[in-house]
């Protein structure tokens, strides 16, 4: 059951990361840097691996969802306080909203009872 909640999260992260390498701008809402695309791609690939493997233990799924949720919420804090962090990475308002949704969703999934 938990895998069905993690799959959409992992697919969104993986597709966002993959498309960030080929089209870094999305309708003027997102502008993905190279490192952001890489982080999304790796995070999505790990989630896909966990959610499509039949032998995955529940604790790994919960840890993945909670970690993605917490990291996304940290990105929300950076997006609200330092959207251009020493010109190292840039977080637009659309990305901050996406990180908020992913963060809350990930933390809720990580707290589900299986």
N, C-alpha and C. Protein backbone atom coordinates (compact mmCIF):
# COMPACT_ATOMS: atom_id res chain seq x y z
N UNK A 1 0.81 -1.19 0.00
CA UNK A 1 0.00 0.00 0.00
C UNK A 1 0.86 1.27 0.00
N UNK A 2 1.91 1.25 0.82
CA UNK A 2 2.78 2.43 0.91
C UNK A 2 3.48 2.70 -0.43
N UNK A 3 3.78 1.65 -1.17
CA UNK A 3 4.44 1.82 -2.46
C UNK A 3 3.58 2.61 -3.45
N UNK A 4 2.28 2.45 -3.36
CA UNK A 4 1.40 3.18 -4.29
C UNK A 4 1.40 4.67 -4.01
N UNK A 5 1.72 5.07 -2.78
CA UNK A 5 1.82 6.49 -2.47
C UNK A 5 3.19 7.05 -2.84
N UNK A 6 4.21 6.21 -2.78
CA UNK A 6 5.57 6.69 -3.07
C UNK A 6 5.82 6.77 -4.57
N UNK A 7 5.21 5.91 -5.36
CA UNK A 7 5.44 5.91 -6.81
C UNK A 7 5.18 7.27 -7.46
N UNK A 8 4.02 7.92 -7.22
CA UNK A 8 3.81 9.22 -7.86
C UNK A 8 4.86 10.25 -7.46
N UNK A 9 5.25 10.23 -6.19
CA UNK A 9 6.29 11.14 -5.72
C UNK A 9 7.60 10.89 -6.45
N UNK A 10 7.99 9.63 -6.57
CA UNK A 10 9.24 9.28 -7.24
C UNK A 10 9.17 9.60 -8.74
N UNK A 11 8.04 9.34 -9.36
CA UNK A 11 7.89 9.62 -10.80
C UNK A 11 7.99 11.11 -11.06
N UNK A 12 7.35 11.92 -10.23
CA UNK A 12 7.41 13.38 -10.40
C UNK A 12 8.85 13.87 -10.25
N UNK A 13 9.54 13.40 -9.23
CA UNK A 13 10.93 13.82 -9.02
C UNK A 13 11.83 13.38 -10.18
N UNK A 14 11.65 12.14 -10.62
CA UNK A 14 12.49 11.62 -11.70
C UNK A 14 12.25 12.39 -13.00
N UNK A 15 10.99 12.60 -13.36
CA UNK A 15 10.68 13.32 -14.59
C UNK A 15 11.10 14.78 -14.53
N UNK A 16 10.95 15.38 -13.37
CA UNK A 16 11.40 16.77 -13.20
C UNK A 16 12.91 16.86 -13.37
N UNK A 17 13.63 15.92 -12.77
CA UNK A 17 15.09 15.92 -12.91
C UNK A 17 15.54 15.64 -14.33
N UNK A 18 14.90 14.69 -14.97
CA UNK A 18 15.26 14.33 -16.34
C UNK A 18 14.98 15.47 -17.31
N UNK A 19 13.83 16.08 -17.17
CA UNK A 19 13.48 17.17 -18.09
C UNK A 19 14.31 18.42 -17.82
N UNK A 20 14.82 18.57 -16.60
CA UNK A 20 15.66 19.73 -16.28
C UNK A 20 16.96 19.74 -17.05
N UNK A 21 17.43 18.57 -17.50
CA UNK A 21 18.65 18.52 -18.30
C UNK A 21 18.40 18.97 -19.74
N UNK A 22 17.18 18.76 -20.22
CA UNK A 22 16.88 19.07 -21.61
C UNK A 22 16.14 20.39 -21.78
N UNK A 23 15.27 20.72 -20.84
CA UNK A 23 14.52 21.97 -20.89
C UNK A 23 14.50 22.57 -19.49
N UNK A 24 15.51 23.38 -19.16
CA UNK A 24 15.61 23.87 -17.79
C UNK A 24 14.56 24.90 -17.39
N UNK A 25 13.81 25.44 -18.35
CA UNK A 25 12.76 26.41 -18.04
C UNK A 25 11.40 25.82 -18.36
N UNK A 26 10.48 25.92 -17.40
CA UNK A 26 9.13 25.41 -17.58
C UNK A 26 8.15 26.56 -17.49
N UNK A 27 7.64 27.01 -18.59
CA UNK A 27 6.58 28.01 -18.69
C UNK A 27 6.82 29.24 -17.83
N UNK A 28 8.05 29.55 -17.57
CA UNK A 28 8.39 30.71 -16.76
C UNK A 28 8.16 30.51 -15.27
N UNK A 29 7.77 29.31 -14.85
CA UNK A 29 7.49 29.04 -13.44
C UNK A 29 8.72 28.45 -12.76
N UNK A 30 9.37 27.48 -13.40
CA UNK A 30 10.55 26.83 -12.87
C UNK A 30 11.74 27.17 -13.75
N UNK A 31 12.87 27.32 -13.13
CA UNK A 31 14.13 27.41 -13.86
C UNK A 31 15.13 26.54 -13.11
N UNK A 32 15.32 25.33 -13.60
CA UNK A 32 16.14 24.35 -12.90
C UNK A 32 17.61 24.52 -13.23
N UNK A 33 18.42 24.53 -12.19
CA UNK A 33 19.86 24.52 -12.37
C UNK A 33 20.31 23.09 -12.59
N UNK A 34 21.55 22.93 -12.97
CA UNK A 34 22.09 21.59 -13.21
C UNK A 34 22.07 20.75 -11.94
N UNK A 35 22.48 21.33 -10.81
CA UNK A 35 22.51 20.56 -9.57
C UNK A 35 21.11 20.18 -9.13
N UNK A 36 20.11 21.07 -9.33
CA UNK A 36 18.74 20.74 -8.97
C UNK A 36 18.24 19.55 -9.78
N UNK A 37 18.52 19.57 -11.07
CA UNK A 37 18.10 18.47 -11.94
C UNK A 37 18.74 17.16 -11.48
N UNK A 38 19.99 17.23 -11.11
CA UNK A 38 20.70 16.04 -10.64
C UNK A 38 20.10 15.51 -9.34
N UNK A 39 19.80 16.40 -8.39
CA UNK A 39 19.21 15.98 -7.11
C UNK A 39 17.84 15.36 -7.34
N UNK A 40 17.01 15.98 -8.18
CA UNK A 40 15.69 15.43 -8.47
C UNK A 40 15.80 14.07 -9.16
N UNK A 41 16.72 13.96 -10.09
CA UNK A 41 16.88 12.71 -10.83
C UNK A 41 17.32 11.57 -9.91
N UNK A 42 18.30 11.82 -9.07
CA UNK A 42 18.78 10.79 -8.14
C UNK A 42 17.70 10.44 -7.12
N UNK A 43 17.05 11.45 -6.56
CA UNK A 43 15.99 11.19 -5.59
C UNK A 43 14.83 10.41 -6.19
N UNK A 44 14.45 10.75 -7.42
CA UNK A 44 13.39 10.02 -8.09
C UNK A 44 13.79 8.60 -8.44
N UNK A 45 15.04 8.41 -8.86
CA UNK A 45 15.51 7.06 -9.21
C UNK A 45 15.53 6.16 -7.97
N UNK A 46 15.95 6.70 -6.84
CA UNK A 46 15.95 5.91 -5.62
C UNK A 46 14.51 5.53 -5.24
N UNK A 47 13.59 6.48 -5.35
CA UNK A 47 12.20 6.19 -5.04
C UNK A 47 11.59 5.18 -5.98
N UNK A 48 11.93 5.27 -7.27
CA UNK A 48 11.42 4.28 -8.22
C UNK A 48 11.96 2.89 -7.91
N UNK A 49 13.22 2.82 -7.57
CA UNK A 49 13.83 1.54 -7.22
C UNK A 49 13.13 0.93 -6.00
N UNK A 50 12.90 1.75 -4.99
CA UNK A 50 12.24 1.26 -3.78
C UNK A 50 10.79 0.87 -4.03
N UNK A 51 10.09 1.64 -4.84
CA UNK A 51 8.65 1.40 -4.99
C UNK A 51 8.33 0.29 -5.99
N UNK A 52 9.26 -0.06 -6.86
CA UNK A 52 9.00 -1.12 -7.83
C UNK A 52 9.70 -2.44 -7.49
N UNK A 53 10.45 -2.49 -6.40
CA UNK A 53 11.09 -3.72 -5.98
C UNK A 53 10.17 -4.42 -4.99
N UNK A 54 9.94 -5.69 -5.21
CA UNK A 54 8.97 -6.41 -4.38
C UNK A 54 9.51 -6.71 -2.98
N UNK A 55 10.80 -6.74 -2.79
CA UNK A 55 11.39 -7.12 -1.50
C UNK A 55 11.72 -5.93 -0.60
N UNK A 56 11.26 -4.74 -0.96
CA UNK A 56 11.59 -3.55 -0.18
C UNK A 56 10.85 -3.58 1.16
N UNK A 57 11.58 -3.33 2.23
CA UNK A 57 10.98 -3.31 3.56
C UNK A 57 10.28 -1.97 3.79
N UNK A 58 9.27 -2.01 4.63
CA UNK A 58 8.45 -0.83 4.92
C UNK A 58 9.30 0.30 5.51
N UNK A 59 10.26 -0.04 6.36
CA UNK A 59 11.05 1.01 7.00
C UNK A 59 11.86 1.82 5.98
N UNK A 60 12.31 1.18 4.90
CA UNK A 60 13.04 1.91 3.86
C UNK A 60 12.13 2.86 3.10
N UNK A 61 10.91 2.43 2.85
CA UNK A 61 9.94 3.29 2.17
C UNK A 61 9.59 4.50 3.04
N UNK A 62 9.38 4.26 4.32
CA UNK A 62 9.07 5.36 5.23
C UNK A 62 10.25 6.32 5.37
N UNK A 63 11.45 5.77 5.45
CA UNK A 63 12.64 6.63 5.55
C UNK A 63 12.81 7.47 4.29
N UNK A 64 12.57 6.87 3.12
CA UNK A 64 12.68 7.61 1.87
C UNK A 64 11.68 8.76 1.84
N UNK A 65 10.41 8.46 2.14
CA UNK A 65 9.37 9.48 2.09
C UNK A 65 9.65 10.61 3.09
N UNK A 66 10.07 10.26 4.29
CA UNK A 66 10.36 11.27 5.30
C UNK A 66 11.56 12.11 4.90
N UNK A 67 12.59 11.49 4.35
CA UNK A 67 13.78 12.22 3.93
C UNK A 67 13.45 13.19 2.81
N UNK A 68 12.71 12.73 1.81
CA UNK A 68 12.31 13.62 0.71
C UNK A 68 11.46 14.76 1.25
N UNK A 69 10.57 14.46 2.18
CA UNK A 69 9.73 15.50 2.77
C UNK A 69 10.53 16.55 3.53
N UNK A 70 11.47 16.11 4.33
CA UNK A 70 12.27 17.05 5.13
C UNK A 70 13.18 17.88 4.23
N UNK A 71 13.83 17.24 3.26
CA UNK A 71 14.70 17.99 2.35
C UNK A 71 13.89 19.02 1.56
N UNK A 72 12.70 18.64 1.12
CA UNK A 72 11.85 19.58 0.39
C UNK A 72 11.43 20.74 1.26
N UNK A 73 11.12 20.48 2.52
CA UNK A 73 10.75 21.57 3.42
C UNK A 73 11.93 22.49 3.72
N UNK A 74 13.14 21.93 3.75
CA UNK A 74 14.33 22.78 3.89
C UNK A 74 14.48 23.67 2.66
N UNK A 75 14.20 23.12 1.48
CA UNK A 75 14.22 23.94 0.26
C UNK A 75 13.17 25.04 0.32
N UNK A 76 12.03 24.77 0.95
CA UNK A 76 11.01 25.80 1.12
C UNK A 76 11.57 26.94 1.96
N UNK A 77 12.24 26.60 3.05
CA UNK A 77 12.83 27.64 3.90
C UNK A 77 13.87 28.45 3.14
N UNK A 78 14.71 27.77 2.35
CA UNK A 78 15.69 28.49 1.54
C UNK A 78 14.98 29.36 0.50
N UNK A 79 13.92 28.84 -0.11
CA UNK A 79 13.20 29.61 -1.12
C UNK A 79 12.54 30.85 -0.55
N UNK A 80 12.12 30.78 0.70
CA UNK A 80 11.48 31.93 1.33
C UNK A 80 12.49 32.93 1.88
N UNK A 81 13.65 32.46 2.33
CA UNK A 81 14.62 33.36 2.96
C UNK A 81 15.78 33.74 2.03
N UNK A 82 16.32 32.77 1.31
CA UNK A 82 17.46 33.02 0.42
C UNK A 82 17.18 32.45 -0.97
N UNK A 83 16.29 33.07 -1.75
CA UNK A 83 15.96 32.48 -3.06
C UNK A 83 17.15 32.44 -4.02
N UNK A 84 18.15 33.27 -3.79
CA UNK A 84 19.36 33.26 -4.62
C UNK A 84 20.54 33.10 -3.66
N UNK A 85 20.78 31.88 -3.23
CA UNK A 85 21.75 31.59 -2.19
C UNK A 85 23.17 31.73 -2.71
N UNK A 86 23.77 32.90 -2.48
CA UNK A 86 25.13 33.21 -2.90
C UNK A 86 25.38 32.86 -4.36
N UNK A 87 24.34 33.00 -5.16
CA UNK A 87 24.40 32.70 -6.59
C UNK A 87 24.81 31.25 -6.86
N UNK A 88 24.57 30.40 -5.85
CA UNK A 88 24.89 28.98 -5.97
C UNK A 88 23.70 28.22 -6.53
N UNK A 89 22.51 28.53 -6.03
CA UNK A 89 21.30 27.96 -6.61
C UNK A 89 20.17 28.99 -6.50
N UNK A 90 19.19 28.82 -7.35
CA UNK A 90 18.09 29.77 -7.45
C UNK A 90 16.78 29.03 -7.23
N UNK A 91 15.94 29.56 -6.38
CA UNK A 91 14.63 28.95 -6.12
C UNK A 91 13.56 29.99 -6.42
N UNK A 92 12.81 29.76 -7.48
CA UNK A 92 11.72 30.64 -7.86
C UNK A 92 10.51 30.34 -6.99
N UNK A 93 9.53 31.26 -6.93
CA UNK A 93 8.32 31.01 -6.12
C UNK A 93 7.57 29.74 -6.52
N UNK A 94 7.53 29.42 -7.80
CA UNK A 94 6.86 28.20 -8.23
C UNK A 94 7.53 26.95 -7.69
N UNK A 95 8.85 26.98 -7.65
CA UNK A 95 9.59 25.84 -7.08
C UNK A 95 9.35 25.73 -5.57
N UNK A 96 9.24 26.87 -4.91
CA UNK A 96 8.98 26.85 -3.48
C UNK A 96 7.63 26.22 -3.18
N UNK A 97 6.63 26.54 -3.99
CA UNK A 97 5.31 25.93 -3.82
C UNK A 97 5.38 24.43 -4.08
N UNK A 98 6.08 24.03 -5.13
CA UNK A 98 6.23 22.61 -5.43
C UNK A 98 6.95 21.88 -4.28
N UNK A 99 7.99 22.50 -3.75
CA UNK A 99 8.71 21.89 -2.63
C UNK A 99 7.81 21.78 -1.39
N UNK A 100 6.94 22.76 -1.18
CA UNK A 100 6.02 22.71 -0.05
C UNK A 100 5.06 21.53 -0.21
N UNK A 101 4.51 21.36 -1.39
CA UNK A 101 3.58 20.25 -1.63
C UNK A 101 4.28 18.91 -1.47
N UNK A 102 5.46 18.78 -2.09
CA UNK A 102 6.22 17.52 -1.99
C UNK A 102 6.65 17.27 -0.55
N UNK A 103 7.06 18.31 0.16
CA UNK A 103 7.49 18.15 1.55
C UNK A 103 6.39 17.68 2.46
N UNK A 104 5.23 18.31 2.35
CA UNK A 104 4.10 17.91 3.20
C UNK A 104 3.66 16.50 2.83
N UNK A 105 3.57 16.21 1.53
CA UNK A 105 3.16 14.89 1.05
C UNK A 105 4.14 13.81 1.55
N UNK A 106 5.43 14.08 1.42
CA UNK A 106 6.44 13.12 1.86
C UNK A 106 6.39 12.86 3.35
N UNK A 107 6.20 13.91 4.15
CA UNK A 107 6.13 13.72 5.60
C UNK A 107 4.87 12.96 6.00
N UNK A 108 3.76 13.22 5.32
CA UNK A 108 2.53 12.49 5.62
C UNK A 108 2.69 11.02 5.25
N UNK A 109 3.27 10.74 4.09
CA UNK A 109 3.47 9.35 3.66
C UNK A 109 4.41 8.63 4.63
N UNK A 110 5.47 9.31 5.06
CA UNK A 110 6.41 8.70 5.98
C UNK A 110 5.80 8.37 7.34
N UNK A 111 4.69 9.01 7.67
CA UNK A 111 4.04 8.78 8.96
C UNK A 111 2.88 7.78 8.86
N UNK A 112 2.57 7.28 7.67
CA UNK A 112 1.49 6.33 7.51
C UNK A 112 1.78 5.01 8.22
N UNK A 113 0.76 4.42 8.73
CA UNK A 113 0.88 3.10 9.34
C UNK A 113 0.62 2.05 8.28
N UNK A 114 1.44 1.05 8.20
CA UNK A 114 1.29 0.00 7.17
C UNK A 114 0.97 -1.30 7.84
